[in-house]
Amino acid sequence: MTELNPKPPATVTTLHPHIDHTAQRVKEATAEGIDRLTGVASSALTQFDKRTEQLKSLHANVSEQASGSVRQHPVLTIGLAFVAGVLLEQLTRD
């Protein structure tokens, strides 16, 4: 008759501590990698937020300057818009 639960060979049971140790080292290395990646991602998001705020501020300043320029020189603005339209029409004509 055959045994339903045979004993593992002696070499397998002696390898268990080594396997457990290796698994623990892999777990720790993975956790460290995830921590580093989290730090890098957090730093990147912070920089992205700073740049976004800078671009919003720049956009507001440029828009304000453009509005002021249109108010000061309305005829020149209309003339430039007309010339730009004519040039665009010429460039896109088939």
Protein backbone atom coordinates (compact mmCIF):
# COMPACT_ATOMS: atom_id res chain seq x y z
CA MET A 1 0.00 0.00 0.00
CA THR A 2 1.04 3.61 -0.58
CA GLU A 3 1.04 6.36 2.01
CA LEU A 4 -1.37 9.22 1.51
CA ASN A 5 0.89 11.73 3.26
CA PRO A 6 4.46 10.69 2.64
CA LYS A 7 7.20 12.50 4.56
CA PRO A 8 9.16 15.00 2.48
CA PRO A 9 12.78 14.15 1.88
CA ALA A 10 15.21 15.51 4.45
CA THR A 11 16.72 17.98 1.97
CA VAL A 12 13.35 19.72 1.50
CA THR A 13 12.88 20.34 5.22
CA THR A 14 16.41 21.71 5.53
CA LEU A 15 15.70 24.17 2.72
CA HIS A 16 12.63 25.70 4.39
CA PRO A 17 14.62 28.15 6.58
CA HIS A 18 16.63 29.28 3.52
CA ILE A 19 13.47 29.76 1.49
CA ASP A 20 11.83 31.69 4.33
CA HIS A 21 14.91 33.91 4.70
CA THR A 22 15.04 34.60 0.96
CA ALA A 23 11.33 35.37 0.87
CA GLN A 24 11.74 37.81 3.75
CA ARG A 25 14.65 39.56 1.98
CA VAL A 26 12.57 39.86 -1.21
CA LYS A 27 9.67 41.27 0.80
CA GLU A 28 11.92 43.88 2.46
CA ALA A 29 13.55 44.85 -0.83
CA THR A 30 10.15 45.23 -2.46
CA ALA A 31 8.90 47.40 0.42
CA GLU A 32 12.01 49.60 0.15
CA GLY A 33 11.52 49.94 -3.60
CA ILE A 34 7.90 50.91 -3.15
CA ASP A 35 8.86 53.49 -0.51
CA ARG A 36 11.45 55.02 -2.85
CA LEU A 37 9.00 55.06 -5.74
CA THR A 38 6.39 56.73 -3.53
CA GLY A 39 8.91 59.42 -2.57
CA VAL A 40 9.83 60.08 -6.19
CA ALA A 41 6.18 60.23 -7.26
CA SER A 42 5.35 62.60 -4.41
CA SER A 43 8.23 64.88 -5.36
CA ALA A 44 7.18 64.84 -9.00
CA LEU A 45 3.61 65.75 -8.09
CA THR A 46 4.82 68.61 -5.92
CA GLN A 47 6.93 69.97 -8.80
CA PHE A 48 3.98 69.53 -11.18
CA ASP A 49 1.74 71.52 -8.82
CA LYS A 50 4.34 74.31 -8.60
CA ARG A 51 4.68 74.49 -12.39
CA THR A 52 0.92 74.48 -12.81
CA GLU A 53 0.57 77.44 -10.46
CA GLN A 54 3.37 79.28 -12.29
CA LEU A 55 1.67 78.70 -15.65
CA LYS A 56 -1.69 79.86 -14.28
CA SER A 57 -0.05 83.03 -13.00
CA LEU A 58 1.75 83.59 -16.31
CA HIS A 59 -1.50 83.06 -18.23
CA ALA A 60 -3.31 85.57 -16.04
CA ASN A 61 -0.54 88.16 -16.55
CA VAL A 62 -0.43 87.69 -20.32
CA SER A 63 -4.22 87.89 -20.58
CA GLU A 64 -4.24 91.08 -18.52
CA GLN A 65 -1.51 92.63 -20.68
CA ALA A 66 -3.33 91.65 -23.88
CA SER A 67 -6.57 93.16 -22.62
CA GLY A 68 -4.77 96.37 -21.72
CA SER A 69 -3.13 96.53 -25.14
CA VAL A 70 -6.48 96.02 -26.91
CA ARG A 71 -8.05 98.82 -24.84
CA GLN A 72 -5.17 101.21 -25.58
CA HIS A 73 -4.93 100.46 -29.33
CA PRO A 74 -8.27 99.14 -30.61
CA VAL A 75 -7.76 100.14 -34.26
CA LEU A 76 -4.31 98.57 -34.40
CA THR A 77 -5.69 95.39 -32.82
CA ILE A 78 -8.46 95.13 -35.42
CA GLY A 79 -5.94 95.76 -38.23
CA LEU A 80 -3.59 93.05 -36.95
CA ALA A 81 -6.47 90.60 -36.61
CA PHE A 82 -7.53 91.33 -40.19
CA VAL A 83 -4.00 90.82 -41.54
CA ALA A 84 -3.61 87.61 -39.55
CA GLY A 85 -6.92 86.34 -40.98
CA VAL A 86 -5.88 87.14 -44.55
CA LEU A 87 -2.51 85.40 -44.06
CA LEU A 88 -4.16 82.36 -42.52
CA GLU A 89 -6.61 82.19 -45.40
CA GLN A 90 -3.75 82.36 -47.90
CA LEU A 91 -1.83 79.58 -46.11
CA THR A 92 -4.81 77.24 -45.91
CA ARG A 93 -6.09 77.78 -49.44
CA ASP A 94 -5.94 74.68 -51.66
